[in-house]
Amino acid sequence: MRSRYVWVLAALVAGCSSMTGSNGTSGGGAGSYDVFFQPTMTAASINGSATLPQTLGTISLGAPAGDGSFSGSFSINNDGGSGTIAGTMTTGGSVTITRFGDPNLTPLTAVTFLETAMPSCDFTQAVSGAMGGVVRNGDIALSGALTLPCSWTDGDSTVVVPTVVTVQVSGSRH
């Protein structure tokens, strides 16, 4: 029994000693991450769905301020675009991204990679909200969605219907 207690205590001490940032991550989540962007499209009204090609990129996050706010940037490989990121991070590493792309637009509504991958969609009518996720232990995972009208083939005809595009972003610090 004593050896199990010593082992658990040693594991706890080792875990706590690596918690150098305010959210349990080194540097509070600040750093550069190699990431995958995985978008999917869903048009519920016609039971349409598509998984778009995954692409690689990087995300760089600045250290969170005292109120948890941070800024950074992203770059998507193969001329997929780049832009700014802004949001807030809790002490546990949960993040809310309020800007991902053009600083004057909501997240994901002006990202070259998506516009190129979905030429049948009208990005001028795109609507999105904040992205959510977590930055913890050297890993990043974000998810966001936007809704916009897109052309789909439904049987023998082409229809324009509301489409939800979900973008999953995941990766590790480099």
C-alpha atoms as a PDB file:
ATOM      1  CA  MET A   1       0.000   0.000   0.000  1.00  0.00           C
ATOM      2  CA  ARG A   2       2.829   2.424   0.884  1.00  0.00           C
ATOM      3  CA  SER A   3       4.546   1.937  -2.489  1.00  0.00           C
ATOM      4  CA  ARG A   4       1.300   2.757  -4.334  1.00  0.00           C
ATOM      5  CA  TYR A   5       0.973   5.987  -2.283  1.00  0.00           C
ATOM      6  CA  VAL A   6       4.562   7.009  -3.083  1.00  0.00           C
ATOM      7  CA  TRP A   7       4.015   6.300  -6.794  1.00  0.00           C
ATOM      8  CA  VAL A   8       0.787   8.365  -6.924  1.00  0.00           C
ATOM      9  CA  LEU A   9       2.420  11.216  -5.003  1.00  0.00           C
ATOM     10  CA  ALA A  10       5.427  11.183  -7.349  1.00  0.00           C
ATOM     11  CA  ALA A  11       3.113  11.288 -10.375  1.00  0.00           C
ATOM     12  CA  LEU A  12       1.191  14.229  -8.924  1.00  0.00           C
ATOM     13  CA  VAL A  13       4.385  16.160  -8.168  1.00  0.00           C
ATOM     14  CA  ALA A  14       5.721  15.485 -11.685  1.00  0.00           C
ATOM     15  CA  GLY A  15       2.434  16.610 -13.224  1.00  0.00           C
ATOM     16  CA  CYS A  16       2.291  19.791 -11.169  1.00  0.00           C
ATOM     17  CA  SER A  17       5.885  20.723 -11.918  1.00  0.00           C
ATOM     18  CA  SER A  18       5.111  20.857 -15.646  1.00  0.00           C
ATOM     19  CA  MET A  19       2.184  23.229 -15.158  1.00  0.00           C
ATOM     20  CA  THR A  20       4.043  26.467 -15.785  1.00  0.00           C
ATOM     21  CA  GLY A  21       1.361  28.526 -17.492  1.00  0.00           C
ATOM     22  CA  SER A  22      -1.827  30.005 -16.070  1.00  0.00           C
ATOM     23  CA  ASN A  23      -3.921  27.344 -17.787  1.00  0.00           C
ATOM     24  CA  GLY A  24      -1.778  24.281 -17.130  1.00  0.00           C
ATOM     25  CA  THR A  25       0.115  24.669 -20.369  1.00  0.00           C
ATOM     26  CA  SER A  26       3.612  25.930 -20.799  1.00  0.00           C
ATOM     27  CA  GLY A  27       3.433  29.628 -21.595  1.00  0.00           C
ATOM     28  CA  GLY A  28      -0.342  29.723 -21.162  1.00  0.00           C
ATOM     29  CA  GLY A  29      -0.933  28.242 -24.618  1.00  0.00           C
ATOM     30  CA  ALA A  30       1.354  30.676 -26.412  1.00  0.00           C
ATOM     31  CA  GLY A  31       3.371  29.207 -29.243  1.00  0.00           C
ATOM     32  CA  SER A  32       3.210  27.860 -32.771  1.00  0.00           C
ATOM     33  CA  TYR A  33       1.189  24.789 -33.675  1.00  0.00           C
ATOM     34  CA  ASP A  34       1.287  22.554 -36.749  1.00  0.00           C
ATOM     35  CA  VAL A  35      -2.379  21.889 -37.521  1.00  0.00           C
ATOM     36  CA  PHE A  36      -4.799  20.045 -39.787  1.00  0.00           C
ATOM     37  CA  PHE A  37      -7.911  21.810 -41.104  1.00  0.00           C
ATOM     38  CA  GLN A  38     -10.772  19.377 -41.796  1.00  0.00           C
ATOM     39  CA  PRO A  39     -13.967  20.918 -43.238  1.00  0.00           C
ATOM     40  CA  THR A  40     -17.261  19.122 -43.831  1.00  0.00           C
ATOM     41  CA  MET A  41     -20.438  20.364 -45.511  1.00  0.00           C
ATOM     42  CA  THR A  42     -24.012  19.400 -44.630  1.00  0.00           C
ATOM     43  CA  ALA A  43     -27.228  20.404 -46.381  1.00  0.00           C
ATOM     44  CA  ALA A  44     -29.959  18.914 -44.189  1.00  0.00           C
ATOM     45  CA  SER A  45     -32.839  19.934 -46.470  1.00  0.00           C
ATOM     46  CA  ILE A  46     -31.613  17.577 -49.212  1.00  0.00           C
ATOM     47  CA  ASN A  47     -29.692  15.086 -47.037  1.00  0.00           C
ATOM     48  CA  GLY A  48     -26.460  16.275 -48.641  1.00  0.00           C
ATOM     49  CA  SER A  49     -23.048  15.924 -47.072  1.00  0.00           C
ATOM     50  CA  ALA A  50     -19.446  16.149 -48.189  1.00  0.00           C
ATOM     51  CA  THR A  51     -16.058  15.885 -46.539  1.00  0.00           C
ATOM     52  CA  LEU A  52     -13.639  18.324 -48.110  1.00  0.00           C
ATOM     53  CA  PRO A  53      -9.919  17.675 -48.449  1.00  0.00           C
ATOM     54  CA  GLN A  54      -7.909  18.050 -45.278  1.00  0.00           C
ATOM     55  CA  THR A  55      -5.114  20.577 -45.432  1.00  0.00           C
ATOM     56  CA  LEU A  56      -2.149  21.527 -43.284  1.00  0.00           C
ATOM     57  CA  GLY A  57      -1.168  24.842 -41.776  1.00  0.00           C
ATOM     58  CA  THR A  58       0.106  26.613 -38.703  1.00  0.00           C
ATOM     59  CA  ILE A  59      -1.446  28.605 -35.902  1.00  0.00           C
ATOM     60  CA  SER A  60       0.567  30.971 -33.702  1.00  0.00           C
ATOM     61  CA  LEU A  61      -0.908  32.200 -30.434  1.00  0.00           C
ATOM     62  CA  GLY A  62       0.363  35.022 -28.263  1.00  0.00           C
ATOM     63  CA  ALA A  63       0.403  34.750 -24.482  1.00  0.00           C
ATOM     64  CA  PRO A  64      -2.975  35.497 -22.893  1.00  0.00           C
ATOM     65  CA  ALA A  65      -3.307  38.807 -21.053  1.00  0.00           C
ATOM     66  CA  GLY A  66      -4.529  38.946 -17.467  1.00  0.00           C
ATOM     67  CA  ASP A  67      -8.152  38.897 -18.650  1.00  0.00           C
ATOM     68  CA  GLY A  68      -7.499  35.824 -20.823  1.00  0.00           C
ATOM     69  CA  SER A  69      -7.595  37.701 -24.132  1.00  0.00           C
ATOM     70  CA  PHE A  70      -5.038  36.727 -26.752  1.00  0.00           C
ATOM     71  CA  SER A  71      -4.254  37.288 -30.404  1.00  0.00           C
ATOM     72  CA  GLY A  72      -2.357  35.369 -33.012  1.00  0.00           C
ATOM     73  CA  SER A  73      -2.324  34.324 -36.624  1.00  0.00           C
ATOM     74  CA  PHE A  74      -2.884  31.366 -38.909  1.00  0.00           C
ATOM     75  CA  SER A  75      -1.517  30.274 -42.245  1.00  0.00           C
ATOM     76  CA  ILE A  76      -2.907  27.511 -44.454  1.00  0.00           C
ATOM     77  CA  ASN A  77      -0.513  25.697 -46.793  1.00  0.00           C
ATOM     78  CA  ASN A  78      -0.745  25.733 -50.608  1.00  0.00           C
ATOM     79  CA  ASP A  79      -2.032  29.315 -50.893  1.00  0.00           C
ATOM     80  CA  GLY A  80      -4.944  28.533 -48.559  1.00  0.00           C
ATOM     81  CA  GLY A  81      -4.696  31.963 -47.008  1.00  0.00           C
ATOM     82  CA  SER A  82      -3.682  33.492 -43.741  1.00  0.00           C
ATOM     83  CA  GLY A  83      -5.122  35.878 -41.241  1.00  0.00           C
ATOM     84  CA  THR A  84      -5.484  36.952 -37.674  1.00  0.00           C
ATOM     85  CA  ILE A  85      -6.894  35.160 -34.658  1.00  0.00           C
ATOM     86  CA  ALA A  86      -8.280  36.697 -31.478  1.00  0.00           C
ATOM     87  CA  GLY A  87     -10.181  35.324 -28.541  1.00  0.00           C
ATOM     88  CA  THR A  88     -10.100  34.466 -24.867  1.00  0.00           C
ATOM     89  CA  MET A  89      -8.613  31.572 -22.930  1.00  0.00           C
ATOM     90  CA  THR A  90      -9.663  30.302 -19.507  1.00  0.00           C
ATOM     91  CA  THR A  91      -7.247  29.078 -16.858  1.00  0.00           C
ATOM     92  CA  GLY A  92      -8.123  25.498 -17.891  1.00  0.00           C
ATOM     93  CA  GLY A  93      -7.157  26.093 -21.529  1.00  0.00           C
ATOM     94  CA  SER A  94     -10.661  26.395 -22.980  1.00  0.00           C
ATOM     95  CA  VAL A  95     -10.689  28.942 -25.788  1.00  0.00           C
ATOM     96  CA  THR A  96     -13.309  31.012 -27.514  1.00  0.00           C
ATOM     97  CA  ILE A  97     -12.170  32.370 -30.878  1.00  0.00           C
ATOM     98  CA  THR A  98     -13.985  35.551 -31.887  1.00  0.00           C
ATOM     99  CA  ARG A  99     -11.809  36.303 -34.921  1.00  0.00           C
ATOM    100  CA  PHE A 100     -10.398  33.782 -37.393  1.00  0.00           C
ATOM    101  CA  GLY A 101      -9.685  35.516 -40.671  1.00  0.00           C
ATOM    102  CA  ASP A 102     -10.610  39.037 -41.664  1.00  0.00           C
ATOM    103  CA  PRO A 103     -10.624  41.236 -38.523  1.00  0.00           C
ATOM    104  CA  ASN A 104     -13.867  42.884 -39.617  1.00  0.00           C
ATOM    105  CA  LEU A 105     -15.811  39.624 -40.103  1.00  0.00           C
ATOM    106  CA  THR A 106     -16.937  36.736 -37.905  1.00  0.00           C
ATOM    107  CA  PRO A 107     -14.766  33.589 -37.778  1.00  0.00           C
ATOM    108  CA  LEU A 108     -14.260  31.551 -40.971  1.00  0.00           C
ATOM    109  CA  THR A 109     -16.326  33.833 -43.242  1.00  0.00           C
ATOM    110  CA  ALA A 110     -13.269  35.053 -45.170  1.00  0.00           C
ATOM    111  CA  VAL A 111     -10.779  32.175 -45.396  1.00  0.00           C
ATOM    112  CA  THR A 112      -9.252  31.544 -48.831  1.00  0.00           C
ATOM    113  CA  PHE A 113      -8.962  27.784 -48.274  1.00  0.00           C
ATOM    114  CA  LEU A 114     -12.730  27.452 -47.733  1.00  0.00           C
ATOM    115  CA  GLU A 115     -13.638  29.781 -50.580  1.00  0.00           C
ATOM    116  CA  THR A 116     -11.432  27.782 -52.970  1.00  0.00           C
ATOM    117  CA  ALA A 117     -12.718  24.396 -51.750  1.00  0.00           C
ATOM    118  CA  MET A 118     -16.379  25.479 -52.071  1.00  0.00           C
ATOM    119  CA  PRO A 119     -16.759  27.587 -55.228  1.00  0.00           C
ATOM    120  CA  SER A 120     -20.497  26.825 -55.393  1.00  0.00           C
ATOM    121  CA  CYS A 121     -21.124  28.658 -52.098  1.00  0.00           C
ATOM    122  CA  ASP A 122     -21.938  32.338 -51.605  1.00  0.00           C
ATOM    123  CA  PHE A 123     -19.540  33.558 -48.921  1.00  0.00           C
ATOM    124  CA  THR A 124     -21.024  37.069 -49.058  1.00  0.00           C
ATOM    125  CA  GLN A 125     -24.018  35.589 -47.221  1.00  0.00           C
ATOM    126  CA  ALA A 126     -22.045  33.481 -44.727  1.00  0.00           C
ATOM    127  CA  VAL A 127     -23.015  33.675 -41.057  1.00  0.00           C
ATOM    128  CA  SER A 128     -20.939  32.278 -38.213  1.00  0.00           C
ATOM    129  CA  GLY A 129     -20.438  32.511 -34.493  1.00  0.00           C
ATOM    130  CA  ALA A 130     -17.478  32.086 -32.209  1.00  0.00           C
ATOM    131  CA  MET A 131     -15.260  29.046 -32.524  1.00  0.00           C
ATOM    132  CA  GLY A 132     -14.598  26.958 -29.442  1.00  0.00           C
ATOM    133  CA  GLY A 133     -11.922  24.576 -28.345  1.00  0.00           C
ATOM    134  CA  VAL A 134      -9.019  23.887 -26.061  1.00  0.00           C
ATOM    135  CA  VAL A 135      -5.285  24.540 -25.912  1.00  0.00           C
ATOM    136  CA  ARG A 136      -3.686  22.218 -23.409  1.00  0.00           C
ATOM    137  CA  ASN A 137      -0.484  20.210 -22.910  1.00  0.00           C
ATOM    138  CA  GLY A 138       0.997  21.285 -26.227  1.00  0.00           C
ATOM    139  CA  ASP A 139      -2.104  20.391 -28.258  1.00  0.00           C
ATOM    140  CA  ILE A 140      -4.765  22.539 -29.883  1.00  0.00           C
ATOM    141  CA  ALA A 141      -8.286  21.543 -30.949  1.00  0.00           C
ATOM    142  CA  LEU A 142     -10.788  24.047 -32.344  1.00  0.00           C
ATOM    143  CA  SER A 143     -14.174  23.744 -33.990  1.00  0.00           C
ATOM    144  CA  GLY A 144     -16.241  26.310 -35.820  1.00  0.00           C
ATOM    145  CA  ALA A 145     -19.168  26.436 -38.190  1.00  0.00           C
ATOM    146  CA  LEU A 146     -20.704  28.778 -40.696  1.00  0.00           C
ATOM    147  CA  THR A 147     -23.958  28.675 -42.606  1.00  0.00           C
ATOM    148  CA  LEU A 148     -24.234  29.896 -46.188  1.00  0.00           C
ATOM    149  CA  PRO A 149     -26.137  29.127 -49.395  1.00  0.00           C
ATOM    150  CA  CYS A 150     -24.453  26.551 -51.661  1.00  0.00           C
ATOM    151  CA  SER A 151     -25.381  24.850 -54.921  1.00  0.00           C
ATOM    152  CA  TRP A 152     -25.913  21.090 -54.723  1.00  0.00           C
ATOM    153  CA  THR A 153     -26.955  18.489 -57.248  1.00  0.00           C
ATOM    154  CA  ASP A 154     -30.201  16.920 -56.078  1.00  0.00           C
ATOM    155  CA  GLY A 155     -31.275  14.182 -58.468  1.00  0.00           C
ATOM    156  CA  ASP A 156     -31.343  15.717 -61.946  1.00  0.00           C
ATOM    157  CA  SER A 157     -31.404  19.329 -60.826  1.00  0.00           C
ATOM    158  CA  THR A 158     -29.164  21.872 -59.156  1.00  0.00           C
ATOM    159  CA  VAL A 159     -30.544  23.531 -56.036  1.00  0.00           C
ATOM    160  CA  VAL A 160     -29.223  26.281 -53.790  1.00  0.00           C
ATOM    161  CA  VAL A 161     -29.843  25.420 -50.146  1.00  0.00           C
ATOM    162  CA  PRO A 162     -28.590  26.500 -46.718  1.00  0.00           C
ATOM    163  CA  THR A 163     -25.400  24.596 -45.955  1.00  0.00           C
ATOM    164  CA  VAL A 164     -23.557  24.212 -42.667  1.00  0.00           C
ATOM    165  CA  VAL A 165     -19.791  24.044 -43.005  1.00  0.00           C
ATOM    166  CA  THR A 166     -18.003  22.686 -39.948  1.00  0.00           C
ATOM    167  CA  VAL A 167     -14.257  23.143 -39.631  1.00  0.00           C
ATOM    168  CA  GLN A 168     -12.253  21.022 -37.198  1.00  0.00           C
ATOM    169  CA  VAL A 169      -8.714  22.212 -36.453  1.00  0.00           C
ATOM    170  CA  SER A 170      -6.278  20.071 -34.499  1.00  0.00           C
ATOM    171  CA  GLY A 171      -2.557  19.844 -34.001  1.00  0.00           C
ATOM    172  CA  SER A 172       0.456  20.043 -31.742  1.00  0.00           C
ATOM    173  CA  ARG A 173       2.983  22.660 -30.727  1.00  0.00           C
ATOM    174  CA  HIS A 174       6.227  22.604 -32.695  1.00  0.00           C
END
